[in-house]
Amino acid sequence: MPPQRTILNALQDLTNEKFHEFCHELTALDEEPRVRTAEVEGKSRVVITELLVSRYGQSEALSRTITTLRVIGCNDEAERLGEMDLVSRAEFYRINSLLINRKSHKSQTCIK
């Protein structure tokens, strides 16, 4: 599952109160690029997911989501998200390895 979809699923599992806390914590970080209050106020989970991915890239957005979930006490959700990330990365490396092997095999057959 793509990281963007994984993040959205996690945000959709939050109660409205926890989602509000999540957005508040995003604005509390002093690291650049910052998320401003006006960017998250009254926004949907889809918009927040798109904001995170466009601002930080998929990998960093996933990492920040996991960290922020832990900060607001949603440790189970953070753990699930982390596990999904590991599965996604393992699948990526498996497919990448297959593609490299295929490319290597094609190169060898072209040489002969």
N, C-alpha and C. Protein backbone atom coordinates (compact mmCIF):
# COMPACT_ATOMS: atom_id res chain seq x y z
N MET A 1 0.85 -1.18 0.00
CA MET A 1 0.00 0.00 0.00
C MET A 1 0.90 1.25 0.00
N PRO A 2 0.60 2.21 -0.86
CA PRO A 2 1.42 3.43 -0.90
C PRO A 2 1.37 4.19 0.43
N PRO A 3 2.47 4.84 0.81
CA PRO A 3 2.50 5.57 2.07
C PRO A 3 1.36 6.58 2.22
N GLN A 4 1.00 7.26 1.15
CA GLN A 4 -0.07 8.25 1.24
C GLN A 4 -1.38 7.59 1.67
N ARG A 5 -1.68 6.43 1.12
CA ARG A 5 -2.90 5.72 1.49
C ARG A 5 -2.82 5.22 2.93
N THR A 6 -1.64 4.77 3.32
CA THR A 6 -1.43 4.28 4.68
C THR A 6 -1.65 5.40 5.70
N ILE A 7 -1.12 6.59 5.40
CA ILE A 7 -1.31 7.75 6.29
C ILE A 7 -2.79 8.10 6.38
N LEU A 8 -3.45 8.17 5.23
CA LEU A 8 -4.87 8.51 5.23
C LEU A 8 -5.68 7.52 6.05
N ASN A 9 -5.41 6.24 5.89
CA ASN A 9 -6.12 5.22 6.67
C ASN A 9 -5.93 5.44 8.17
N ALA A 10 -4.71 5.77 8.58
CA ALA A 10 -4.43 6.00 10.00
C ALA A 10 -5.20 7.22 10.50
N LEU A 11 -5.22 8.29 9.72
CA LEU A 11 -5.95 9.49 10.14
C LEU A 11 -7.45 9.26 10.18
N GLN A 12 -7.95 8.42 9.29
CA GLN A 12 -9.38 8.12 9.29
C GLN A 12 -9.79 7.28 10.50
N ASP A 13 -8.83 6.59 11.09
CA ASP A 13 -9.12 5.79 12.29
C ASP A 13 -9.19 6.63 13.57
N LEU A 14 -8.70 7.87 13.51
CA LEU A 14 -8.70 8.74 14.69
C LEU A 14 -10.09 9.32 14.96
N THR A 15 -10.39 9.50 16.23
CA THR A 15 -11.61 10.24 16.57
C THR A 15 -11.42 11.69 16.15
N ASN A 16 -12.49 12.45 16.09
CA ASN A 16 -12.38 13.86 15.73
C ASN A 16 -11.48 14.61 16.72
N GLU A 17 -11.60 14.27 18.00
CA GLU A 17 -10.78 14.92 19.03
C GLU A 17 -9.29 14.62 18.81
N LYS A 18 -8.97 13.35 18.56
CA LYS A 18 -7.58 12.97 18.34
C LYS A 18 -7.04 13.56 17.03
N PHE A 19 -7.89 13.65 16.01
CA PHE A 19 -7.47 14.26 14.75
C PHE A 19 -7.15 15.74 14.97
N HIS A 20 -7.95 16.41 15.78
CA HIS A 20 -7.69 17.81 16.11
C HIS A 20 -6.35 17.94 16.85
N GLU A 21 -6.09 17.04 17.78
CA GLU A 21 -4.80 17.03 18.50
C GLU A 21 -3.65 16.78 17.54
N PHE A 22 -3.85 15.86 16.61
CA PHE A 22 -2.83 15.54 15.61
C PHE A 22 -2.47 16.80 14.83
N CYS A 23 -3.47 17.51 14.35
CA CYS A 23 -3.23 18.74 13.57
C CYS A 23 -2.54 19.80 14.42
N HIS A 24 -2.94 19.91 15.69
CA HIS A 24 -2.31 20.88 16.58
C HIS A 24 -0.82 20.56 16.75
N GLU A 25 -0.50 19.30 16.93
CA GLU A 25 0.90 18.89 17.11
C GLU A 25 1.72 19.14 15.85
N LEU A 26 1.10 18.98 14.69
CA LEU A 26 1.83 19.27 13.45
C LEU A 26 2.29 20.72 13.42
N THR A 27 1.47 21.62 13.93
CA THR A 27 1.82 23.05 13.91
C THR A 27 2.79 23.41 15.03
N ALA A 28 2.93 22.55 16.02
CA ALA A 28 3.79 22.84 17.17
C ALA A 28 5.26 22.58 16.88
N LEU A 29 5.55 21.84 15.82
CA LEU A 29 6.94 21.53 15.50
C LEU A 29 7.64 22.76 14.96
N ASP A 30 8.85 23.00 15.44
CA ASP A 30 9.62 24.16 15.00
C ASP A 30 10.49 23.87 13.79
N GLU A 31 10.54 22.63 13.38
CA GLU A 31 11.39 22.25 12.25
C GLU A 31 10.83 22.79 10.94
N GLU A 32 11.75 23.19 10.06
CA GLU A 32 11.35 23.65 8.73
C GLU A 32 11.32 22.45 7.79
N PRO A 33 10.46 22.42 6.83
CA PRO A 33 9.40 23.39 6.60
C PRO A 33 8.25 23.19 7.58
N ARG A 34 7.82 24.28 8.15
CA ARG A 34 6.77 24.24 9.18
C ARG A 34 5.39 24.09 8.56
N VAL A 35 4.50 23.56 9.37
CA VAL A 35 3.09 23.51 9.02
C VAL A 35 2.41 24.61 9.82
N ARG A 36 1.76 25.50 9.15
CA ARG A 36 1.10 26.64 9.79
C ARG A 36 -0.32 26.27 10.22
N THR A 37 -0.80 26.93 11.25
CA THR A 37 -2.14 26.68 11.77
C THR A 37 -3.20 26.83 10.69
N ALA A 38 -3.09 27.87 9.89
CA ALA A 38 -4.08 28.12 8.83
C ALA A 38 -4.12 26.99 7.80
N GLU A 39 -3.03 26.25 7.68
CA GLU A 39 -2.98 25.15 6.71
C GLU A 39 -3.75 23.92 7.18
N VAL A 40 -3.98 23.79 8.49
CA VAL A 40 -4.65 22.60 9.01
C VAL A 40 -6.03 22.88 9.60
N GLU A 41 -6.28 24.13 9.95
CA GLU A 41 -7.54 24.49 10.61
C GLU A 41 -8.75 24.15 9.73
N GLY A 42 -9.60 23.29 10.26
CA GLY A 42 -10.84 22.93 9.58
C GLY A 42 -10.67 22.07 8.34
N LYS A 43 -9.49 21.54 8.14
CA LYS A 43 -9.23 20.74 6.94
C LYS A 43 -9.58 19.27 7.17
N SER A 44 -9.88 18.58 6.09
CA SER A 44 -10.23 17.17 6.16
C SER A 44 -8.98 16.30 6.30
N ARG A 45 -9.19 15.05 6.59
CA ARG A 45 -8.09 14.11 6.70
C ARG A 45 -7.38 13.93 5.36
N VAL A 46 -8.14 13.97 4.28
CA VAL A 46 -7.56 13.85 2.94
C VAL A 46 -6.62 15.03 2.67
N VAL A 47 -7.07 16.24 2.99
CA VAL A 47 -6.27 17.44 2.75
C VAL A 47 -5.01 17.41 3.61
N ILE A 48 -5.12 16.98 4.86
CA ILE A 48 -3.95 16.91 5.75
C ILE A 48 -2.95 15.88 5.21
N THR A 49 -3.44 14.75 4.73
CA THR A 49 -2.56 13.73 4.14
C THR A 49 -1.82 14.30 2.94
N GLU A 50 -2.56 14.97 2.06
CA GLU A 50 -1.93 15.58 0.88
C GLU A 50 -0.91 16.64 1.27
N LEU A 51 -1.22 17.42 2.30
CA LEU A 51 -0.30 18.44 2.79
C LEU A 51 1.00 17.79 3.28
N LEU A 52 0.89 16.76 4.09
CA LEU A 52 2.07 16.08 4.62
C LEU A 52 2.95 15.52 3.51
N VAL A 53 2.34 14.85 2.56
CA VAL A 53 3.10 14.22 1.49
C VAL A 53 3.74 15.26 0.57
N SER A 54 3.00 16.31 0.26
CA SER A 54 3.57 17.34 -0.63
C SER A 54 4.67 18.13 0.07
N ARG A 55 4.53 18.34 1.36
CA ARG A 55 5.52 19.13 2.12
C ARG A 55 6.79 18.34 2.40
N TYR A 56 6.63 17.05 2.75
CA TYR A 56 7.78 16.28 3.24
C TYR A 56 8.19 15.10 2.36
N GLY A 57 7.40 14.75 1.37
CA GLY A 57 7.65 13.53 0.60
C GLY A 57 7.03 12.35 1.34
N GLN A 58 6.83 11.26 0.65
CA GLN A 58 6.09 10.14 1.22
C GLN A 58 6.77 9.51 2.44
N SER A 59 8.06 9.27 2.35
CA SER A 59 8.76 8.61 3.45
C SER A 59 8.79 9.47 4.71
N GLU A 60 9.15 10.74 4.57
CA GLU A 60 9.22 11.63 5.73
C GLU A 60 7.82 11.92 6.28
N ALA A 61 6.83 12.00 5.40
CA ALA A 61 5.44 12.22 5.85
C ALA A 61 4.99 11.05 6.72
N LEU A 62 5.35 9.85 6.31
CA LEU A 62 4.99 8.67 7.09
C LEU A 62 5.69 8.69 8.44
N SER A 63 6.96 9.04 8.44
CA SER A 63 7.72 9.11 9.68
C SER A 63 7.14 10.17 10.63
N ARG A 64 6.82 11.35 10.10
CA ARG A 64 6.24 12.41 10.93
C ARG A 64 4.86 12.03 11.45
N THR A 65 4.11 11.30 10.65
CA THR A 65 2.79 10.85 11.10
C THR A 65 2.92 9.89 12.27
N ILE A 66 3.84 8.94 12.15
CA ILE A 66 4.07 7.98 13.24
C ILE A 66 4.50 8.71 14.51
N THR A 67 5.44 9.63 14.39
CA THR A 67 5.92 10.39 15.55
C THR A 67 4.80 11.19 16.18
N THR A 68 4.01 11.87 15.37
CA THR A 68 2.93 12.71 15.88
C THR A 68 1.85 11.87 16.55
N LEU A 69 1.56 10.70 15.99
CA LEU A 69 0.59 9.80 16.62
C LEU A 69 1.07 9.39 18.01
N ARG A 70 2.35 9.14 18.15
CA ARG A 70 2.90 8.77 19.47
C ARG A 70 2.80 9.94 20.45
N VAL A 71 3.07 11.15 19.97
CA VAL A 71 3.01 12.34 20.82
C VAL A 71 1.60 12.52 21.40
N ILE A 72 0.58 12.22 20.59
CA ILE A 72 -0.81 12.42 21.08
C ILE A 72 -1.37 11.18 21.77
N GLY A 73 -0.50 10.19 21.99
CA GLY A 73 -0.92 9.02 22.76
C GLY A 73 -1.61 7.94 21.95
N CYS A 74 -1.50 8.00 20.64
CA CYS A 74 -2.11 6.98 19.77
C CYS A 74 -1.03 5.97 19.39
N ASN A 75 -0.51 5.29 20.40
CA ASN A 75 0.61 4.38 20.19
C ASN A 75 0.24 3.15 19.37
N ASP A 76 -0.97 2.64 19.54
CA ASP A 76 -1.39 1.47 18.75
C ASP A 76 -1.45 1.82 17.27
N GLU A 77 -2.01 2.98 16.96
CA GLU A 77 -2.09 3.42 15.57
C GLU A 77 -0.69 3.63 14.99
N ALA A 78 0.19 4.24 15.80
CA ALA A 78 1.57 4.47 15.35
C ALA A 78 2.27 3.14 15.09
N GLU A 79 2.04 2.18 15.97
CA GLU A 79 2.66 0.86 15.82
C GLU A 79 2.16 0.18 14.54
N ARG A 80 0.85 0.23 14.30
CA ARG A 80 0.29 -0.36 13.08
C ARG A 80 0.86 0.30 11.83
N LEU A 81 0.95 1.62 11.88
CA LEU A 81 1.49 2.38 10.75
C LEU A 81 2.95 2.00 10.51
N GLY A 82 3.71 1.86 11.57
CA GLY A 82 5.10 1.45 11.45
C GLY A 82 5.24 0.05 10.87
N GLU A 83 4.36 -0.86 11.29
CA GLU A 83 4.39 -2.22 10.76
C GLU A 83 4.04 -2.23 9.28
N MET A 84 3.04 -1.43 8.89
CA MET A 84 2.67 -1.34 7.48
C MET A 84 3.82 -0.78 6.67
N ASP A 85 4.53 0.18 7.25
CA ASP A 85 5.67 0.77 6.56
C ASP A 85 6.74 -0.28 6.34
N LEU A 86 7.00 -1.11 7.35
CA LEU A 86 8.01 -2.16 7.20
C LEU A 86 7.61 -3.16 6.13
N VAL A 87 6.32 -3.51 6.09
CA VAL A 87 5.83 -4.43 5.06
C VAL A 87 5.99 -3.79 3.68
N SER A 88 5.64 -2.51 3.57
CA SER A 88 5.76 -1.80 2.29
C SER A 88 7.22 -1.75 1.84
N ARG A 89 8.12 -1.46 2.78
CA ARG A 89 9.54 -1.42 2.42
C ARG A 89 10.06 -2.79 2.03
N ALA A 90 9.64 -3.82 2.75
CA ALA A 90 10.08 -5.19 2.42
C ALA A 90 9.58 -5.56 1.03
N GLU A 91 8.36 -5.22 0.72
CA GLU A 91 7.80 -5.50 -0.60
C GLU A 91 8.56 -4.73 -1.68
N PHE A 92 8.89 -3.48 -1.40
CA PHE A 92 9.66 -2.67 -2.34
C PHE A 92 11.00 -3.34 -2.64
N TYR A 93 11.71 -3.76 -1.59
CA TYR A 93 13.03 -4.38 -1.79
C TYR A 93 12.91 -5.71 -2.51
N ARG A 94 11.86 -6.45 -2.24
CA ARG A 94 11.64 -7.73 -2.93
C ARG A 94 11.44 -7.49 -4.42
N ILE A 95 10.56 -6.55 -4.76
CA ILE A 95 10.28 -6.25 -6.17
C ILE A 95 11.52 -5.67 -6.84
N ASN A 96 12.21 -4.78 -6.14
CA ASN A 96 13.43 -4.19 -6.69
C ASN A 96 14.46 -5.27 -6.99
N SER A 97 14.61 -6.22 -6.08
CA SER A 97 15.55 -7.31 -6.28
C SER A 97 15.16 -8.14 -7.50
N LEU A 98 13.89 -8.41 -7.66
CA LEU A 98 13.43 -9.16 -8.84
C LEU A 98 13.73 -8.41 -10.13
N LEU A 99 13.51 -7.11 -10.12
CA LEU A 99 13.78 -6.30 -11.31
C LEU A 99 15.26 -6.27 -11.64
N ILE A 100 16.09 -6.15 -10.61
CA ILE A 100 17.54 -6.15 -10.83
C ILE A 100 17.99 -7.49 -11.39
N ASN A 101 17.46 -8.58 -10.83
CA ASN A 101 17.82 -9.91 -11.33
C ASN A 101 17.37 -10.08 -12.77
N ARG A 102 16.19 -9.59 -13.10
CA ARG A 102 15.68 -9.70 -14.46
C ARG A 102 16.56 -8.90 -15.41
N LYS A 103 16.92 -7.69 -15.00
CA LYS A 103 17.77 -6.83 -15.82
C LYS A 103 19.14 -7.48 -16.02
N SER A 104 19.67 -8.05 -14.96
CA SER A 104 20.97 -8.71 -15.03
C SER A 104 20.89 -9.91 -15.98
N HIS A 105 19.83 -10.66 -15.91
CA HIS A 105 19.63 -11.83 -16.77
C HIS A 105 19.51 -11.39 -18.24
N LYS A 106 18.78 -10.31 -18.51
CA LYS A 106 18.65 -9.81 -19.89
C LYS A 106 19.99 -9.32 -20.41
N SER A 107 20.79 -8.68 -19.58
CA SER A 107 22.10 -8.20 -19.99
C SER A 107 22.99 -9.38 -20.38
N GLN A 108 22.92 -10.45 -19.60
CA GLN A 108 23.74 -11.61 -19.88
C GLN A 108 23.33 -12.28 -21.19
N THR A 109 22.02 -12.34 -21.45
CA THR A 109 21.56 -12.99 -22.67
C THR A 109 21.88 -12.15 -23.90
N CYS A 110 21.98 -10.85 -23.75
CA CYS A 110 22.32 -9.97 -24.87
C CYS A 110 23.80 -10.05 -25.20
N ILE A 111 24.62 -10.39 -24.22
CA ILE A 111 26.06 -10.42 -24.41
C ILE A 111 26.47 -11.64 -25.21
N LYS A 112 25.82 -12.73 -25.03
CA LYS A 112 26.21 -13.99 -25.69
C LYS A 112 25.91 -13.99 -27.16
